[in-house]
C-alpha atoms as a PDB file:
ATOM      1  CA  MET A   1       0.000   0.000   0.000  1.00  0.00           C
ATOM      2  CA  THR A   2       1.314   3.442  -0.950  1.00  0.00           C
ATOM      3  CA  THR A   3       0.363   6.563   1.002  1.00  0.00           C
ATOM      4  CA  VAL A   4       0.996  10.155  -0.052  1.00  0.00           C
ATOM      5  CA  LEU A   5       0.775  12.658   2.800  1.00  0.00           C
ATOM      6  CA  LYS A   6       0.977  16.414   2.557  1.00  0.00           C
ATOM      7  CA  LEU A   7       1.971  18.533   5.534  1.00  0.00           C
ATOM      8  CA  GLY A   8       0.596  21.985   4.789  1.00  0.00           C
ATOM      9  CA  GLY A   9       2.988  24.899   4.972  1.00  0.00           C
ATOM     10  CA  SER A  10       0.511  26.736   7.192  1.00  0.00           C
ATOM     11  CA  VAL A  11       0.703  23.809   9.618  1.00  0.00           C
ATOM     12  CA  ILE A  12       4.468  23.519  10.056  1.00  0.00           C
ATOM     13  CA  THR A  13       5.479  27.200   9.794  1.00  0.00           C
ATOM     14  CA  GLU A  14       4.502  30.502  11.338  1.00  0.00           C
ATOM     15  CA  LYS A  15       3.050  31.811   8.111  1.00  0.00           C
ATOM     16  CA  ASP A  16       3.032  35.496   9.077  1.00  0.00           C
ATOM     17  CA  THR A  17       6.729  35.524  10.046  1.00  0.00           C
ATOM     18  CA  PRO A  18       9.206  34.921   7.199  1.00  0.00           C
ATOM     19  CA  GLU A  19      11.212  31.691   7.459  1.00  0.00           C
ATOM     20  CA  THR A  20       9.929  30.651  10.867  1.00  0.00           C
ATOM     21  CA  VAL A  21       9.204  27.004  11.662  1.00  0.00           C
ATOM     22  CA  ASP A  22       6.359  26.152  14.021  1.00  0.00           C
ATOM     23  CA  ASP A  23       8.532  23.807  16.066  1.00  0.00           C
ATOM     24  CA  THR A  24       5.677  22.542  18.237  1.00  0.00           C
ATOM     25  CA  ALA A  25       3.520  21.588  15.257  1.00  0.00           C
ATOM     26  CA  LEU A  26       6.406  20.045  13.329  1.00  0.00           C
ATOM     27  CA  GLU A  27       7.495  17.947  16.315  1.00  0.00           C
ATOM     28  CA  ARG A  28       3.901  16.833  16.807  1.00  0.00           C
ATOM     29  CA  ALA A  29       3.651  15.793  13.161  1.00  0.00           C
ATOM     30  CA  ALA A  30       6.957  13.931  13.343  1.00  0.00           C
ATOM     31  CA  ALA A  31       5.854  12.096  16.486  1.00  0.00           C
ATOM     32  CA  ALA A  32       2.659  10.982  14.739  1.00  0.00           C
ATOM     33  CA  LEU A  33       4.812   9.557  11.934  1.00  0.00           C
ATOM     34  CA  ALA A  34       7.305   7.794  14.210  1.00  0.00           C
ATOM     35  CA  ASP A  35       5.831   4.450  13.122  1.00  0.00           C
ATOM     36  CA  PRO A  36       5.056   5.308   9.499  1.00  0.00           C
ATOM     37  CA  PRO A  37       2.917   3.204   7.201  1.00  0.00           C
ATOM     38  CA  ALA A  38       4.771   1.192   4.572  1.00  0.00           C
ATOM     39  CA  ARG A  39       5.584   3.059   1.347  1.00  0.00           C
ATOM     40  CA  LEU A  40       4.954   6.546   2.680  1.00  0.00           C
ATOM     41  CA  VAL A  41       5.763   9.645   0.616  1.00  0.00           C
ATOM     42  CA  ILE A  42       5.632  13.037   2.334  1.00  0.00           C
ATOM     43  CA  VAL A  43       5.153  16.394   0.620  1.00  0.00           C
ATOM     44  CA  HIS A  44       5.297  19.673   2.516  1.00  0.00           C
ATOM     45  CA  GLY A  45       4.201  23.149   1.518  1.00  0.00           C
ATOM     46  CA  GLY A  46       6.161  26.371   1.581  1.00  0.00           C
ATOM     47  CA  GLY A  47       4.459  28.317   4.345  1.00  0.00           C
ATOM     48  CA  SER A  48       6.496  31.338   5.414  1.00  0.00           C
ATOM     49  CA  PHE A  49       9.571  30.089   3.555  1.00  0.00           C
ATOM     50  CA  GLY A  50       8.876  29.687  -0.161  1.00  0.00           C
ATOM     51  CA  HIS A  51       5.816  31.925  -0.430  1.00  0.00           C
ATOM     52  CA  HIS A  52       7.625  34.905   1.039  1.00  0.00           C
ATOM     53  CA  HIS A  53      10.413  34.765  -1.549  1.00  0.00           C
ATOM     54  CA  ALA A  54       8.108  33.849  -4.448  1.00  0.00           C
ATOM     55  CA  ALA A  55       5.982  36.923  -3.733  1.00  0.00           C
ATOM     56  CA  ALA A  56       9.061  39.129  -3.476  1.00  0.00           C
ATOM     57  CA  HIS A  57      10.222  38.009  -6.930  1.00  0.00           C
ATOM     58  CA  GLY A  58       6.774  37.942  -8.550  1.00  0.00           C
ATOM     59  CA  VAL A  59       6.831  34.227  -9.376  1.00  0.00           C
ATOM     60  CA  THR A  60       3.703  32.043  -9.391  1.00  0.00           C
ATOM     61  CA  THR A  61       2.662  28.709 -10.858  1.00  0.00           C
ATOM     62  CA  THR A  62       1.968  30.476 -14.158  1.00  0.00           C
ATOM     63  CA  VAL A  63       4.121  33.633 -14.080  1.00  0.00           C
ATOM     64  CA  GLY A  64       7.772  32.755 -14.589  1.00  0.00           C
ATOM     65  CA  THR A  65      11.129  34.404 -14.036  1.00  0.00           C
ATOM     66  CA  ASP A  66      14.559  34.225 -15.634  1.00  0.00           C
ATOM     67  CA  ASP A  67      16.175  35.887 -12.613  1.00  0.00           C
ATOM     68  CA  ASP A  68      18.689  33.354 -11.314  1.00  0.00           C
ATOM     69  CA  GLU A  69      18.975  35.248  -8.013  1.00  0.00           C
ATOM     70  CA  GLY A  70      15.234  34.859  -7.428  1.00  0.00           C
ATOM     71  CA  ILE A  71      15.358  31.166  -8.289  1.00  0.00           C
ATOM     72  CA  ARG A  72      18.158  30.608  -5.799  1.00  0.00           C
ATOM     73  CA  ALA A  73      16.315  32.585  -3.111  1.00  0.00           C
ATOM     74  CA  ILE A  74      13.101  30.584  -3.460  1.00  0.00           C
ATOM     75  CA  HIS A  75      14.824  27.220  -3.717  1.00  0.00           C
ATOM     76  CA  GLY A  76      17.228  28.034  -0.890  1.00  0.00           C
ATOM     77  CA  ALA A  77      14.348  28.880   1.430  1.00  0.00           C
ATOM     78  CA  MET A  78      12.552  25.653   0.574  1.00  0.00           C
ATOM     79  CA  LYS A  79      15.726  23.628   1.137  1.00  0.00           C
ATOM     80  CA  ARG A  80      16.060  25.187   4.589  1.00  0.00           C
ATOM     81  CA  LEU A  81      12.475  24.258   5.460  1.00  0.00           C
ATOM     82  CA  ASN A  82      12.946  20.783   4.011  1.00  0.00           C
ATOM     83  CA  ALA A  83      16.055  20.318   6.144  1.00  0.00           C
ATOM     84  CA  ALA A  84      14.052  21.239   9.263  1.00  0.00           C
ATOM     85  CA  VAL A  85      11.352  18.722   8.320  1.00  0.00           C
ATOM     86  CA  ILE A  86      13.926  16.008   7.638  1.00  0.00           C
ATOM     87  CA  ASP A  87      15.641  16.707  10.971  1.00  0.00           C
ATOM     88  CA  ALA A  88      12.355  16.457  12.896  1.00  0.00           C
ATOM     89  CA  LEU A  89      11.422  13.220  11.151  1.00  0.00           C
ATOM     90  CA  THR A  90      14.805  11.591  11.646  1.00  0.00           C
ATOM     91  CA  ASP A  91      14.783  12.599  15.307  1.00  0.00           C
ATOM     92  CA  ALA A  92      11.511  10.654  15.538  1.00  0.00           C
ATOM     93  CA  GLY A  93      13.133   7.620  13.911  1.00  0.00           C
ATOM     94  CA  VAL A  94      11.648   8.037  10.424  1.00  0.00           C
ATOM     95  CA  PRO A  95      14.028   7.015   7.571  1.00  0.00           C
ATOM     96  CA  ALA A  96      13.381  10.278   5.730  1.00  0.00           C
ATOM     97  CA  VAL A  97      15.396  11.399   2.688  1.00  0.00           C
ATOM     98  CA  PRO A  98      15.080  14.732   0.829  1.00  0.00           C
ATOM     99  CA  VAL A  99      13.947  15.039  -2.777  1.00  0.00           C
ATOM    100  CA  HIS A 100      14.319  18.555  -4.221  1.00  0.00           C
ATOM    101  CA  PRO A 101      12.013  19.141  -7.225  1.00  0.00           C
ATOM    102  CA  LEU A 102      14.204  21.842  -8.835  1.00  0.00           C
ATOM    103  CA  SER A 103      16.715  19.118  -9.673  1.00  0.00           C
ATOM    104  CA  ALA A 104      14.160  16.537 -10.771  1.00  0.00           C
ATOM    105  CA  VAL A 105      11.022  18.147 -12.213  1.00  0.00           C
ATOM    106  CA  HIS A 106      10.323  20.547 -15.071  1.00  0.00           C
ATOM    107  CA  ARG A 107       7.319  21.993 -16.833  1.00  0.00           C
ATOM    108  CA  ARG A 108       6.760  21.664 -20.534  1.00  0.00           C
ATOM    109  CA  ALA A 109       5.749  24.782 -22.456  1.00  0.00           C
ATOM    110  CA  ASP A 110       2.065  23.876 -22.030  1.00  0.00           C
ATOM    111  CA  GLY A 111       2.465  23.782 -18.232  1.00  0.00           C
ATOM    112  CA  THR A 112       2.281  20.016 -17.805  1.00  0.00           C
ATOM    113  CA  LEU A 113       4.851  18.415 -15.541  1.00  0.00           C
ATOM    114  CA  ARG A 114       7.634  15.994 -16.319  1.00  0.00           C
ATOM    115  CA  PHE A 115       8.370  14.031 -13.178  1.00  0.00           C
ATOM    116  CA  PRO A 116      10.850  11.121 -12.821  1.00  0.00           C
ATOM    117  CA  GLU A 117       8.753   9.018 -10.479  1.00  0.00           C
ATOM    118  CA  GLY A 118      11.157   6.094 -10.837  1.00  0.00           C
ATOM    119  CA  ALA A 119      13.550   7.652  -8.332  1.00  0.00           C
ATOM    120  CA  VAL A 120      10.806   7.990  -5.708  1.00  0.00           C
ATOM    121  CA  GLU A 121       9.565   4.474  -6.438  1.00  0.00           C
ATOM    122  CA  THR A 122      13.080   3.101  -5.906  1.00  0.00           C
ATOM    123  CA  MET A 123      13.421   4.967  -2.598  1.00  0.00           C
ATOM    124  CA  LEU A 124      10.153   3.438  -1.423  1.00  0.00           C
ATOM    125  CA  GLY A 125      11.315  -0.011  -2.482  1.00  0.00           C
ATOM    126  CA  GLU A 126      14.463   0.425  -0.415  1.00  0.00           C
ATOM    127  CA  GLY A 127      12.505   1.349   2.709  1.00  0.00           C
ATOM    128  CA  PHE A 128      13.073   5.110   2.701  1.00  0.00           C
ATOM    129  CA  VAL A 129      10.479   7.854   3.222  1.00  0.00           C
ATOM    130  CA  PRO A 130      10.965  10.404   0.414  1.00  0.00           C
ATOM    131  CA  VAL A 131      10.194  13.967   1.498  1.00  0.00           C
ATOM    132  CA  LEU A 132       9.411  16.388  -1.319  1.00  0.00           C
ATOM    133  CA  HIS A 133       8.326  20.002  -1.170  1.00  0.00           C
ATOM    134  CA  GLY A 134       6.890  22.865  -3.142  1.00  0.00           C
ATOM    135  CA  ASP A 135       9.681  24.465  -5.145  1.00  0.00           C
ATOM    136  CA  VAL A 136      10.663  26.560  -8.139  1.00  0.00           C
ATOM    137  CA  VAL A 137      11.222  24.485 -11.303  1.00  0.00           C
ATOM    138  CA  ALA A 138      12.416  25.113 -14.839  1.00  0.00           C
ATOM    139  CA  HIS A 139       9.565  25.900 -17.229  1.00  0.00           C
ATOM    140  CA  GLU A 140      10.046  25.775 -20.993  1.00  0.00           C
ATOM    141  CA  THR A 141       9.613  29.275 -22.521  1.00  0.00           C
ATOM    142  CA  LYS A 142       9.058  30.904 -19.090  1.00  0.00           C
ATOM    143  CA  GLY A 143      12.342  30.458 -17.252  1.00  0.00           C
ATOM    144  CA  ALA A 144      11.089  29.044 -13.963  1.00  0.00           C
ATOM    145  CA  THR A 145       7.728  28.892 -12.184  1.00  0.00           C
ATOM    146  CA  ILE A 146       6.429  27.621  -8.867  1.00  0.00           C
ATOM    147  CA  LEU A 147       5.545  23.962  -8.378  1.00  0.00           C
ATOM    148  CA  SER A 148       3.049  23.797  -5.511  1.00  0.00           C
ATOM    149  CA  GLY A 149       2.831  21.067  -2.928  1.00  0.00           C
ATOM    150  CA  ASP A 150      -0.743  20.387  -4.025  1.00  0.00           C
ATOM    151  CA  GLU A 151       0.438  19.720  -7.569  1.00  0.00           C
ATOM    152  CA  LEU A 152       3.047  17.311  -6.242  1.00  0.00           C
ATOM    153  CA  VAL A 153       0.433  15.401  -4.251  1.00  0.00           C
ATOM    154  CA  VAL A 154      -1.658  14.903  -7.389  1.00  0.00           C
ATOM    155  CA  GLU A 155       1.354  14.023  -9.539  1.00  0.00           C
ATOM    156  CA  LEU A 156       2.667  11.481  -7.015  1.00  0.00           C
ATOM    157  CA  GLY A 157      -0.777  10.064  -6.348  1.00  0.00           C
ATOM    158  CA  GLU A 158      -1.212   9.302 -10.033  1.00  0.00           C
ATOM    159  CA  ALA A 159       2.356   8.245 -10.842  1.00  0.00           C
ATOM    160  CA  LEU A 160       2.666   5.885  -7.870  1.00  0.00           C
ATOM    161  CA  SER A 161      -0.915   4.586  -8.052  1.00  0.00           C
ATOM    162  CA  ALA A 162      -1.304   5.627  -4.414  1.00  0.00           C
ATOM    163  CA  ASP A 163      -3.864   3.822  -2.275  1.00  0.00           C
ATOM    164  CA  ARG A 164      -4.401   6.687   0.187  1.00  0.00           C
ATOM    165  CA  ILE A 165      -3.934  10.447   0.075  1.00  0.00           C
ATOM    166  CA  GLY A 166      -3.802  12.641   3.171  1.00  0.00           C
ATOM    167  CA  VAL A 167      -3.767  16.443   3.338  1.00  0.00           C
ATOM    168  CA  CYS A 168      -2.889  17.708   6.811  1.00  0.00           C
ATOM    169  CA  SER A 169      -4.191  21.253   6.787  1.00  0.00           C
ATOM    170  CA  ALA A 170      -4.553  24.230   9.105  1.00  0.00           C
ATOM    171  CA  VAL A 171      -8.277  23.425   9.286  1.00  0.00           C
ATOM    172  CA  SER A 172     -10.111  20.303  10.448  1.00  0.00           C
ATOM    173  CA  GLY A 173     -11.516  19.485   7.027  1.00  0.00           C
ATOM    174  CA  VAL A 174     -13.566  21.075   4.261  1.00  0.00           C
ATOM    175  CA  TYR A 175     -16.208  23.346   5.781  1.00  0.00           C
ATOM    176  CA  ASP A 176     -19.755  23.841   4.552  1.00  0.00           C
ATOM    177  CA  SER A 177     -21.402  27.264   4.387  1.00  0.00           C
ATOM    178  CA  ALA A 178     -22.399  26.957   8.054  1.00  0.00           C
ATOM    179  CA  GLY A 179     -18.810  26.357   9.143  1.00  0.00           C
ATOM    180  CA  ASP A 180     -19.215  22.648   9.878  1.00  0.00           C
ATOM    181  CA  VAL A 181     -16.830  19.980   8.589  1.00  0.00           C
ATOM    182  CA  ILE A 182     -18.252  18.052   5.645  1.00  0.00           C
ATOM    183  CA  ASP A 183     -17.929  14.303   6.192  1.00  0.00           C
ATOM    184  CA  ARG A 184     -17.710  13.242   2.543  1.00  0.00           C
ATOM    185  CA  ILE A 185     -17.426  14.860  -0.885  1.00  0.00           C
ATOM    186  CA  ASP A 186     -18.240  12.917  -4.043  1.00  0.00           C
ATOM    187  CA  SER A 187     -18.721  15.823  -6.432  1.00  0.00           C
ATOM    188  CA  PHE A 188     -17.512  19.415  -6.576  1.00  0.00           C
ATOM    189  CA  ASP A 189     -21.096  20.497  -7.203  1.00  0.00           C
ATOM    190  CA  ASP A 190     -21.885  19.388  -3.642  1.00  0.00           C
ATOM    191  CA  VAL A 191     -19.536  21.977  -2.125  1.00  0.00           C
ATOM    192  CA  GLU A 192     -19.226  24.672  -4.787  1.00  0.00           C
ATOM    193  CA  ASN A 193     -21.158  27.253  -2.788  1.00  0.00           C
ATOM    194  CA  ALA A 194     -19.055  26.639   0.308  1.00  0.00           C
ATOM    195  CA  VAL A 195     -15.527  26.571  -1.155  1.00  0.00           C
ATOM    196  CA  GLY A 196     -15.984  28.662  -4.290  1.00  0.00           C
ATOM    197  CA  GLU A 197     -15.146  27.805  -7.862  1.00  0.00           C
ATOM    198  CA  SER A 198     -12.170  30.018  -8.704  1.00  0.00           C
ATOM    199  CA  GLU A 199      -9.780  28.330 -11.095  1.00  0.00           C
ATOM    200  CA  ASP A 200      -7.084  30.663  -9.744  1.00  0.00           C
ATOM    201  CA  THR A 201      -6.710  28.550  -6.593  1.00  0.00           C
ATOM    202  CA  ASP A 202      -6.384  25.183  -8.306  1.00  0.00           C
ATOM    203  CA  VAL A 203      -2.632  24.868  -7.803  1.00  0.00           C
ATOM    204  CA  THR A 204      -1.869  27.472  -5.162  1.00  0.00           C
ATOM    205  CA  GLY A 205      -3.329  25.976  -2.007  1.00  0.00           C
ATOM    206  CA  GLY A 206      -6.913  27.200  -1.988  1.00  0.00           C
ATOM    207  CA  MET A 207      -9.508  24.750  -0.752  1.00  0.00           C
ATOM    208  CA  ALA A 208     -11.441  24.823  -4.035  1.00  0.00           C
ATOM    209  CA  GLY A 209      -8.332  23.770  -5.916  1.00  0.00           C
ATOM    210  CA  LYS A 210      -7.549  21.023  -3.413  1.00  0.00           C
ATOM    211  CA  VAL A 211     -11.037  19.549  -3.703  1.00  0.00           C
ATOM    212  CA  ARG A 212     -11.032  19.618  -7.504  1.00  0.00           C
ATOM    213  CA  ALA A 213      -7.608  17.985  -7.704  1.00  0.00           C
ATOM    214  CA  LEU A 214      -8.342  15.291  -5.121  1.00  0.00           C
ATOM    215  CA  LEU A 215     -11.651  14.384  -6.769  1.00  0.00           C
ATOM    216  CA  ALA A 216      -9.737  13.641  -9.984  1.00  0.00           C
ATOM    217  CA  LEU A 217      -7.595  10.981  -8.295  1.00  0.00           C
ATOM    218  CA  ASP A 218      -8.492   7.296  -8.108  1.00  0.00           C
ATOM    219  CA  ALA A 219      -7.342   7.006  -4.489  1.00  0.00           C
ATOM    220  CA  PRO A 220      -9.532   8.165  -1.586  1.00  0.00           C
ATOM    221  CA  ALA A 221      -8.272  11.324   0.081  1.00  0.00           C
ATOM    222  CA  SER A 222      -8.762  12.912   3.485  1.00  0.00           C
ATOM    223  CA  VAL A 223      -8.399  16.573   4.457  1.00  0.00           C
ATOM    224  CA  PHE A 224      -7.868  17.012   8.189  1.00  0.00           C
ATOM    225  CA  GLY A 225      -6.133  19.046  10.883  1.00  0.00           C
ATOM    226  CA  ILE A 226      -2.934  18.127  12.661  1.00  0.00           C
ATOM    227  CA  GLU A 227      -4.893  16.850  15.670  1.00  0.00           C
ATOM    228  CA  ALA A 228      -6.152  14.016  13.427  1.00  0.00           C
ATOM    229  CA  LEU A 229      -2.803  13.046  11.890  1.00  0.00           C
ATOM    230  CA  ASP A 230      -2.365  10.118  14.286  1.00  0.00           C
ATOM    231  CA  SER A 231      -5.762   8.808  13.228  1.00  0.00           C
ATOM    232  CA  PHE A 232      -4.857   9.017   9.531  1.00  0.00           C
ATOM    233  CA  VAL A 233      -1.549   7.227  10.102  1.00  0.00           C
ATOM    234  CA  GLU A 234      -3.437   4.453  11.888  1.00  0.00           C
ATOM    235  CA  GLY A 235      -5.595   3.922   8.785  1.00  0.00           C
ATOM    236  CA  ASP A 236      -8.676   6.003   9.535  1.00  0.00           C
ATOM    237  CA  ASP A 237     -10.243   8.680   7.302  1.00  0.00           C
ATOM    238  CA  PRO A 238     -10.507  11.733   9.567  1.00  0.00           C
ATOM    239  CA  GLY A 239     -11.845  15.125   8.589  1.00  0.00           C
ATOM    240  CA  THR A 240     -13.386  15.212   5.119  1.00  0.00           C
ATOM    241  CA  ARG A 241     -13.175  12.167   2.865  1.00  0.00           C
ATOM    242  CA  ILE A 242     -12.935  13.026  -0.850  1.00  0.00           C
ATOM    243  CA  GLN A 243     -13.521  10.342  -3.453  1.00  0.00           C
END
């Protein structure tokens, strides 16, 4: 069984303070993963690390840059956050290894991704826990653009034929218009009024984009808060189940 888990950047960082890790939340997440499920892949978002530098240099998932200084700034920040995540996981006994998308992934001119999933598959086969992250990646005709953690979750879920997808978010699930967590989502039409329908959020972390992307996957997905991470690791479907 293969599991893809995203740790949201808003969960593991202090999002309003540039390049600040939320040590308490990250240690809690690492402790929940101390006995990880077999074939686990972790993706983490950028939080106050990548987003801060991407905004400063005007780079998005669709707007590129050919400024090598900006590329180094964004990637450097994400490597620092990734190192903090790896350290927390290894301290908890998780055999985590870093995978930096800038060196492995690129976008074609039409925006589609080219991802060498064989490397991740081999890591899983050897008993490692690959840890990827949102990053800046080369983009044909545009220099470089942002690759979001949400995009990586979808790409890995499809490429690895994942059995389970988990999105550990800053909220307890997908909320309805009354502010209550929705137990299950089978169609975007069921939640359109609550989460909105903006295409602009599809790859940048908005809840509408997350729901659309997760509905397109074959594997069942759960969106939940960090307090439910232990439950997800144990095999439950906390928060909102999307399928």
